[in-house]
Amino acid sequence: AVRGAIGLVPQTVALYPTLTARENLRFFAH
């Protein structure tokens, strides 16, 4: 329930560098 309520932006960038911006957003949205 906590995880569903929060948005976390960690100190180290948590993105997939070999994916596009749109692909990253689609992955995290899913």
PDB file of all heavy atoms in Angstrom:
ATOM      1  N   ALA A   1       0.829  -1.205   0.000  1.00  0.00           N
ATOM      2  CA  ALA A   1       0.000   0.000   0.000  1.00  0.00           C
ATOM      3  C   ALA A   1       0.863   1.255   0.000  1.00  0.00           C
ATOM      4  O   ALA A   1       0.535   2.253  -0.651  1.00  0.00           O
ATOM      5  CB  ALA A   1      -0.932  -0.008   1.210  1.00  0.00           C
ATOM      6  N   VAL A   2       1.981   1.208   0.726  1.00  0.00           N
ATOM      7  CA  VAL A   2       2.892   2.354   0.749  1.00  0.00           C
ATOM      8  C   VAL A   2       3.459   2.603  -0.641  1.00  0.00           C
ATOM      9  O   VAL A   2       3.506   3.748  -1.116  1.00  0.00           O
ATOM     10  CB  VAL A   2       4.035   2.120   1.769  1.00  0.00           C
ATOM     11  CG1 VAL A   2       5.101   3.208   1.641  1.00  0.00           C
ATOM     12  CG2 VAL A   2       3.483   2.085   3.183  1.00  0.00           C
ATOM     13  N   ARG A   3       3.889   1.549  -1.310  1.00  0.00           N
ATOM     14  CA  ARG A   3       4.481   1.703  -2.643  1.00  0.00           C
ATOM     15  C   ARG A   3       3.492   2.283  -3.640  1.00  0.00           C
ATOM     16  O   ARG A   3       3.859   3.022  -4.551  1.00  0.00           O
ATOM     17  CB  ARG A   3       5.000   0.355  -3.135  1.00  0.00           C
ATOM     18  CG  ARG A   3       6.222  -0.129  -2.366  1.00  0.00           C
ATOM     19  CD  ARG A   3       6.557  -1.569  -2.692  1.00  0.00           C
ATOM     20  NE  ARG A   3       7.542  -2.093  -1.749  1.00  0.00           N
ATOM     21  CZ  ARG A   3       7.699  -3.368  -1.473  1.00  0.00           C
ATOM     22  NH1 ARG A   3       6.928  -4.278  -2.064  1.00  0.00           N
ATOM     23  NH2 ARG A   3       8.614  -3.755  -0.606  1.00  0.00           N
ATOM     24  N   GLY A   4       2.218   1.945  -3.456  1.00  0.00           N
ATOM     25  CA  GLY A   4       1.215   2.515  -4.350  1.00  0.00           C
ATOM     26  C   GLY A   4       0.955   3.982  -4.108  1.00  0.00           C
ATOM     27  O   GLY A   4       0.424   4.675  -4.981  1.00  0.00           O
ATOM     28  N   ALA A   5       1.333   4.458  -2.917  1.00  0.00           N
ATOM     29  CA  ALA A   5       1.051   5.852  -2.557  1.00  0.00           C
ATOM     30  C   ALA A   5       2.210   6.790  -2.829  1.00  0.00           C
ATOM     31  O   ALA A   5       2.037   8.006  -2.783  1.00  0.00           O
ATOM     32  CB  ALA A   5       0.674   5.929  -1.077  1.00  0.00           C
ATOM     33  N   ILE A   6       3.410   6.225  -3.100  1.00  0.00           N
ATOM     34  CA  ILE A   6       4.590   7.087  -3.215  1.00  0.00           C
ATOM     35  C   ILE A   6       5.114   7.167  -4.646  1.00  0.00           C
ATOM     36  O   ILE A   6       4.908   6.278  -5.470  1.00  0.00           O
ATOM     37  CB  ILE A   6       5.738   6.594  -2.299  1.00  0.00           C
ATOM     38  CG1 ILE A   6       6.237   5.221  -2.769  1.00  0.00           C
ATOM     39  CG2 ILE A   6       5.315   6.573  -0.847  1.00  0.00           C
ATOM     40  CD1 ILE A   6       7.511   4.760  -2.090  1.00  0.00           C
ATOM     41  N   GLY A   7       5.819   8.264  -4.898  1.00  0.00           N
ATOM     42  CA  GLY A   7       6.678   8.385  -6.061  1.00  0.00           C
ATOM     43  C   GLY A   7       8.082   8.600  -5.534  1.00  0.00           C
ATOM     44  O   GLY A   7       8.293   9.470  -4.693  1.00  0.00           O
ATOM     45  N   LEU A   8       9.036   7.800  -6.005  1.00  0.00           N
ATOM     46  CA  LEU A   8      10.404   7.861  -5.488  1.00  0.00           C
ATOM     47  C   LEU A   8      11.354   8.295  -6.594  1.00  0.00           C
ATOM     48  O   LEU A   8      11.388   7.695  -7.675  1.00  0.00           O
ATOM     49  CB  LEU A   8      10.831   6.491  -4.948  1.00  0.00           C
ATOM     50  CG  LEU A   8      12.306   6.353  -4.533  1.00  0.00           C
ATOM     51  CD1 LEU A   8      12.620   7.280  -3.356  1.00  0.00           C
ATOM     52  CD2 LEU A   8      12.628   4.908  -4.189  1.00  0.00           C
ATOM     53  N   VAL A   9      12.140   9.332  -6.316  1.00  0.00           N
ATOM     54  CA  VAL A   9      13.195   9.766  -7.231  1.00  0.00           C
ATOM     55  C   VAL A   9      14.522   9.584  -6.503  1.00  0.00           C
ATOM     56  O   VAL A   9      14.895  10.398  -5.657  1.00  0.00           O
ATOM     57  CB  VAL A   9      13.010  11.237  -7.653  1.00  0.00           C
ATOM     58  CG1 VAL A   9      14.131  11.657  -8.602  1.00  0.00           C
ATOM     59  CG2 VAL A   9      11.657  11.424  -8.330  1.00  0.00           C
ATOM     60  N   PRO A  10      15.242   8.492  -6.776  1.00  0.00           N
ATOM     61  CA  PRO A  10      16.476   8.220  -6.041  1.00  0.00           C
ATOM     62  C   PRO A  10      17.613   9.142  -6.471  1.00  0.00           C
ATOM     63  O   PRO A  10      17.539   9.809  -7.517  1.00  0.00           O
ATOM     64  CB  PRO A  10      16.781   6.771  -6.412  1.00  0.00           C
ATOM     65  CG  PRO A  10      16.154   6.581  -7.752  1.00  0.00           C
ATOM     66  CD  PRO A  10      14.924   7.446  -7.758  1.00  0.00           C
ATOM     67  N   GLN A  11      18.656   9.165  -5.654  1.00  0.00           N
ATOM     68  CA  GLN A  11      19.805  10.029  -5.927  1.00  0.00           C
ATOM     69  C   GLN A  11      20.493   9.622  -7.231  1.00  0.00           C
ATOM     70  O   GLN A  11      20.912  10.476  -8.015  1.00  0.00           O
ATOM     71  CB  GLN A  11      20.789   9.941  -4.764  1.00  0.00           C
ATOM     72  CG  GLN A  11      21.946  10.921  -4.855  1.00  0.00           C
ATOM     73  CD  GLN A  11      22.803  10.882  -3.611  1.00  0.00           C
ATOM     74  OE1 GLN A  11      22.515  10.167  -2.656  1.00  0.00           O
ATOM     75  NE2 GLN A  11      23.861  11.663  -3.609  1.00  0.00           N
ATOM     76  N   THR A  12      20.612   8.326  -7.472  1.00  0.00           N
ATOM     77  CA  THR A  12      21.169   7.833  -8.731  1.00  0.00           C
ATOM     78  C   THR A  12      20.040   7.690  -9.740  1.00  0.00           C
ATOM     79  O   THR A  12      19.000   7.100  -9.440  1.00  0.00           O
ATOM     80  CB  THR A  12      21.845   6.461  -8.526  1.00  0.00           C
ATOM     81  OG1 THR A  12      22.877   6.602  -7.552  1.00  0.00           O
ATOM     82  CG2 THR A  12      22.446   5.954  -9.824  1.00  0.00           C
ATOM     83  N   VAL A  13      20.218   8.233 -10.918  1.00  0.00           N
ATOM     84  CA  VAL A  13      19.167   8.203 -11.937  1.00  0.00           C
ATOM     85  C   VAL A  13      18.752   6.763 -12.214  1.00  0.00           C
ATOM     86  O   VAL A  13      19.595   5.904 -12.509  1.00  0.00           O
ATOM     87  CB  VAL A  13      19.649   8.887 -13.229  1.00  0.00           C
ATOM     88  CG1 VAL A  13      18.633   8.690 -14.351  1.00  0.00           C
ATOM     89  CG2 VAL A  13      19.891  10.363 -12.982  1.00  0.00           C
ATOM     90  N   ALA A  14      17.447   6.488 -12.107  1.00  0.00           N
ATOM     91  CA  ALA A  14      16.915   5.135 -12.266  1.00  0.00           C
ATOM     92  C   ALA A  14      16.161   5.032 -13.587  1.00  0.00           C
ATOM     93  O   ALA A  14      14.926   4.997 -13.633  1.00  0.00           O
ATOM     94  CB  ALA A  14      16.003   4.792 -11.093  1.00  0.00           C
ATOM     95  N   LEU A  15      16.919   5.002 -14.664  1.00  0.00           N
ATOM     96  CA  LEU A  15      16.352   4.868 -16.004  1.00  0.00           C
ATOM     97  C   LEU A  15      17.101   3.775 -16.748  1.00  0.00           C
ATOM     98  O   LEU A  15      18.234   3.424 -16.391  1.00  0.00           O
ATOM     99  CB  LEU A  15      16.476   6.186 -16.778  1.00  0.00           C
ATOM    100  CG  LEU A  15      15.765   7.415 -16.204  1.00  0.00           C
ATOM    101  CD1 LEU A  15      16.204   8.667 -16.942  1.00  0.00           C
ATOM    102  CD2 LEU A  15      14.251   7.243 -16.290  1.00  0.00           C
ATOM    103  N   TYR A  16      16.490   3.245 -17.816  1.00  0.00           N
ATOM    104  CA  TYR A  16      17.158   2.269 -18.665  1.00  0.00           C
ATOM    105  C   TYR A  16      17.806   3.012 -19.824  1.00  0.00           C
ATOM    106  O   TYR A  16      17.128   3.506 -20.728  1.00  0.00           O
ATOM    107  CB  TYR A  16      16.158   1.226 -19.161  1.00  0.00           C
ATOM    108  CG  TYR A  16      15.679   0.320 -18.054  1.00  0.00           C
ATOM    109  CD1 TYR A  16      14.499   0.587 -17.366  1.00  0.00           C
ATOM    110  CD2 TYR A  16      16.436  -0.785 -17.675  1.00  0.00           C
ATOM    111  CE1 TYR A  16      14.074  -0.241 -16.336  1.00  0.00           C
ATOM    112  CE2 TYR A  16      16.018  -1.608 -16.638  1.00  0.00           C
ATOM    113  CZ  TYR A  16      14.840  -1.334 -15.980  1.00  0.00           C
ATOM    114  OH  TYR A  16      14.427  -2.148 -14.947  1.00  0.00           O
ATOM    115  N   PRO A  17      19.146   3.131 -19.807  1.00  0.00           N
ATOM    116  CA  PRO A  17      19.826   4.004 -20.769  1.00  0.00           C
ATOM    117  C   PRO A  17      19.732   3.547 -22.213  1.00  0.00           C
ATOM    118  O   PRO A  17      19.855   4.366 -23.133  1.00  0.00           O
ATOM    119  CB  PRO A  17      21.287   3.999 -20.281  1.00  0.00           C
ATOM    120  CG  PRO A  17      21.426   2.734 -19.505  1.00  0.00           C
ATOM    121  CD  PRO A  17      20.095   2.504 -18.865  1.00  0.00           C
ATOM    122  N   THR A  18      19.507   2.253 -22.458  1.00  0.00           N
ATOM    123  CA  THR A  18      19.450   1.761 -23.837  1.00  0.00           C
ATOM    124  C   THR A  18      18.041   1.850 -24.436  1.00  0.00           C
ATOM    125  O   THR A  18      17.860   1.547 -25.623  1.00  0.00           O
ATOM    126  CB  THR A  18      19.932   0.304 -23.906  1.00  0.00           C
ATOM    127  OG1 THR A  18      19.119  -0.508 -23.058  1.00  0.00           O
ATOM    128  CG2 THR A  18      21.387   0.198 -23.457  1.00  0.00           C
ATOM    129  N   LEU A  19      17.066   2.269 -23.620  1.00  0.00           N
ATOM    130  CA  LEU A  19      15.701   2.461 -24.112  1.00  0.00           C
ATOM    131  C   LEU A  19      15.463   3.934 -24.433  1.00  0.00           C
ATOM    132  O   LEU A  19      16.179   4.812 -23.958  1.00  0.00           O
ATOM    133  CB  LEU A  19      14.682   1.996 -23.070  1.00  0.00           C
ATOM    134  CG  LEU A  19      14.738   0.530 -22.632  1.00  0.00           C
ATOM    135  CD1 LEU A  19      13.643   0.251 -21.616  1.00  0.00           C
ATOM    136  CD2 LEU A  19      14.629  -0.401 -23.834  1.00  0.00           C
ATOM    137  N   THR A  20      14.448   4.196 -25.206  1.00  0.00           N
ATOM    138  CA  THR A  20      14.068   5.583 -25.477  1.00  0.00           C
ATOM    139  C   THR A  20      13.327   6.144 -24.266  1.00  0.00           C
ATOM    140  O   THR A  20      12.919   5.407 -23.359  1.00  0.00           O
ATOM    141  CB  THR A  20      13.162   5.681 -26.701  1.00  0.00           C
ATOM    142  OG1 THR A  20      11.902   5.037 -26.400  1.00  0.00           O
ATOM    143  CG2 THR A  20      13.795   5.033 -27.923  1.00  0.00           C
ATOM    144  N   ALA A  21      13.116   7.448 -24.281  1.00  0.00           N
ATOM    145  CA  ALA A  21      12.351   8.075 -23.203  1.00  0.00           C
ATOM    146  C   ALA A  21      10.936   7.510 -23.155  1.00  0.00           C
ATOM    147  O   ALA A  21      10.399   7.215 -22.077  1.00  0.00           O
ATOM    148  CB  ALA A  21      12.310   9.591 -23.405  1.00  0.00           C
ATOM    149  N   ARG A  22      10.321   7.328 -24.307  1.00  0.00           N
ATOM    150  CA  ARG A  22       8.956   6.801 -24.355  1.00  0.00           C
ATOM    151  C   ARG A  22       8.904   5.371 -23.826  1.00  0.00           C
ATOM    152  O   ARG A  22       7.990   5.005 -23.078  1.00  0.00           O
ATOM    153  CB  ARG A  22       8.424   6.853 -25.787  1.00  0.00           C
ATOM    154  CG  ARG A  22       6.921   6.569 -25.879  1.00  0.00           C
ATOM    155  CD  ARG A  22       6.450   6.468 -27.323  1.00  0.00           C
ATOM    156  NE  ARG A  22       6.848   7.601 -28.126  1.00  0.00           N
ATOM    157  CZ  ARG A  22       6.192   8.767 -28.156  1.00  0.00           C
ATOM    158  NH1 ARG A  22       5.120   8.937 -27.401  1.00  0.00           N
ATOM    159  NH2 ARG A  22       6.614   9.751 -28.931  1.00  0.00           N
ATOM    160  N   GLU A  23       9.892   4.568 -24.189  1.00  0.00           N
ATOM    161  CA  GLU A  23       9.920   3.185 -23.713  1.00  0.00           C
ATOM    162  C   GLU A  23      10.107   3.127 -22.200  1.00  0.00           C
ATOM    163  O   GLU A  23       9.508   2.279 -21.528  1.00  0.00           O
ATOM    164  CB  GLU A  23      11.035   2.420 -24.426  1.00  0.00           C
ATOM    165  CG  GLU A  23      10.717   2.127 -25.888  1.00  0.00           C
ATOM    166  CD  GLU A  23      11.923   1.634 -26.660  1.00  0.00           C
ATOM    167  OE1 GLU A  23      13.071   1.864 -26.213  1.00  0.00           O
ATOM    168  OE2 GLU A  23      11.725   1.028 -27.728  1.00  0.00           O
ATOM    169  N   ASN A  24      10.930   4.013 -21.662  1.00  0.00           N
ATOM    170  CA  ASN A  24      11.083   4.075 -20.213  1.00  0.00           C
ATOM    171  C   ASN A  24       9.764   4.412 -19.546  1.00  0.00           C
ATOM    172  O   ASN A  24       9.360   3.764 -18.567  1.00  0.00           O
ATOM    173  CB  ASN A  24      12.136   5.116 -19.839  1.00  0.00           C
ATOM    174  CG  ASN A  24      13.531   4.545 -19.700  1.00  0.00           C
ATOM    175  OD1 ASN A  24      13.900   3.996 -18.669  1.00  0.00           O
ATOM    176  ND2 ASN A  24      14.309   4.662 -20.774  1.00  0.00           N
ATOM    177  N   LEU A  25       9.067   5.406 -20.063  1.00  0.00           N
ATOM    178  CA  LEU A  25       7.804   5.812 -19.465  1.00  0.00           C
ATOM    179  C   LEU A  25       6.748   4.713 -19.587  1.00  0.00           C
ATOM    180  O   LEU A  25       5.980   4.479 -18.641  1.00  0.00           O
ATOM    181  CB  LEU A  25       7.306   7.105 -20.113  1.00  0.00           C
ATOM    182  CG  LEU A  25       8.070   8.374 -19.722  1.00  0.00           C
ATOM    183  CD1 LEU A  25       7.689   9.533 -20.622  1.00  0.00           C
ATOM    184  CD2 LEU A  25       7.820   8.734 -18.261  1.00  0.00           C
ATOM    185  N   ARG A  26       6.706   4.034 -20.716  1.00  0.00           N
ATOM    186  CA  ARG A  26       5.761   2.929 -20.869  1.00  0.00           C
ATOM    187  C   ARG A  26       6.044   1.815 -19.864  1.00  0.00           C
ATOM    188  O   ARG A  26       5.121   1.252 -19.261  1.00  0.00           O
ATOM    189  CB  ARG A  26       5.846   2.368 -22.287  1.00  0.00           C
ATOM    190  CG  ARG A  26       5.134   3.209 -23.340  1.00  0.00           C
ATOM    191  CD  ARG A  26       5.392   2.643 -24.720  1.00  0.00           C
ATOM    192  NE  ARG A  26       4.655   3.382 -25.751  1.00  0.00           N
ATOM    193  CZ  ARG A  26       4.909   3.279 -27.044  1.00  0.00           C
ATOM    194  NH1 ARG A  26       5.854   2.447 -27.485  1.00  0.00           N
ATOM    195  NH2 ARG A  26       4.199   3.979 -27.911  1.00  0.00           N
ATOM    196  N   PHE A  27       7.322   1.504 -19.664  1.00  0.00           N
ATOM    197  CA  PHE A  27       7.690   0.459 -18.723  1.00  0.00           C
ATOM    198  C   PHE A  27       7.256   0.825 -17.308  1.00  0.00           C
ATOM    199  O   PHE A  27       6.631   0.019 -16.608  1.00  0.00           O
ATOM    200  CB  PHE A  27       9.202   0.214 -18.759  1.00  0.00           C
ATOM    201  CG  PHE A  27       9.683  -0.700 -17.670  1.00  0.00           C
ATOM    202  CD1 PHE A  27       9.514  -2.076 -17.770  1.00  0.00           C
ATOM    203  CD2 PHE A  27      10.284  -0.187 -16.525  1.00  0.00           C
ATOM    204  CE1 PHE A  27       9.928  -2.919 -16.749  1.00  0.00           C
ATOM    205  CE2 PHE A  27      10.703  -1.028 -15.506  1.00  0.00           C
ATOM    206  CZ  PHE A  27      10.531  -2.402 -15.625  1.00  0.00           C
ATOM    207  N   PHE A  28       7.585   2.052 -16.876  1.00  0.00           N
ATOM    208  CA  PHE A  28       7.252   2.449 -15.515  1.00  0.00           C
ATOM    209  C   PHE A  28       5.740   2.616 -15.334  1.00  0.00           C
ATOM    210  O   PHE A  28       5.209   2.347 -14.248  1.00  0.00           O
ATOM    211  CB  PHE A  28       8.000   3.727 -15.134  1.00  0.00           C
ATOM    212  CG  PHE A  28       9.452   3.481 -14.827  1.00  0.00           C
ATOM    213  CD1 PHE A  28      10.438   3.884 -15.698  1.00  0.00           C
ATOM    214  CD2 PHE A  28       9.820   2.805 -13.668  1.00  0.00           C
ATOM    215  CE1 PHE A  28      11.775   3.636 -15.434  1.00  0.00           C
ATOM    216  CE2 PHE A  28      11.157   2.556 -13.388  1.00  0.00           C
ATOM    217  CZ  PHE A  28      12.140   2.970 -14.276  1.00  0.00           C
ATOM    218  N   ALA A  29       5.042   3.054 -16.365  1.00  0.00           N
ATOM    219  CA  ALA A  29       3.585   3.142 -16.275  1.00  0.00           C
ATOM    220  C   ALA A  29       2.981   1.757 -16.053  1.00  0.00           C
ATOM    221  O   ALA A  29       2.080   1.580 -15.216  1.00  0.00           O
ATOM    222  CB  ALA A  29       3.011   3.766 -17.546  1.00  0.00           C
ATOM    223  N   HIS A  30       3.484   0.771 -16.782  1.00  0.00           N
ATOM    224  CA  HIS A  30       2.997  -0.613 -16.605  1.00  0.00           C
ATOM    225  C   HIS A  30       3.341  -1.115 -15.202  1.00  0.00           C
ATOM    226  O   HIS A  30       2.500  -1.750 -14.535  1.00  0.00           O
ATOM    227  CB  HIS A  30       3.627  -1.518 -17.657  1.00  0.00           C
ATOM    228  CG  HIS A  30       3.159  -2.937 -17.585  1.00  0.00           C
ATOM    229  ND1 HIS A  30       1.953  -3.357 -18.133  1.00  0.00           N
ATOM    230  CD2 HIS A  30       3.713  -4.043 -17.015  1.00  0.00           C
ATOM    231  CE1 HIS A  30       1.791  -4.648 -17.904  1.00  0.00           C
ATOM    232  NE2 HIS A  30       2.845  -5.094 -17.227  1.00  0.00           N
TER     233      HIS A  30
END
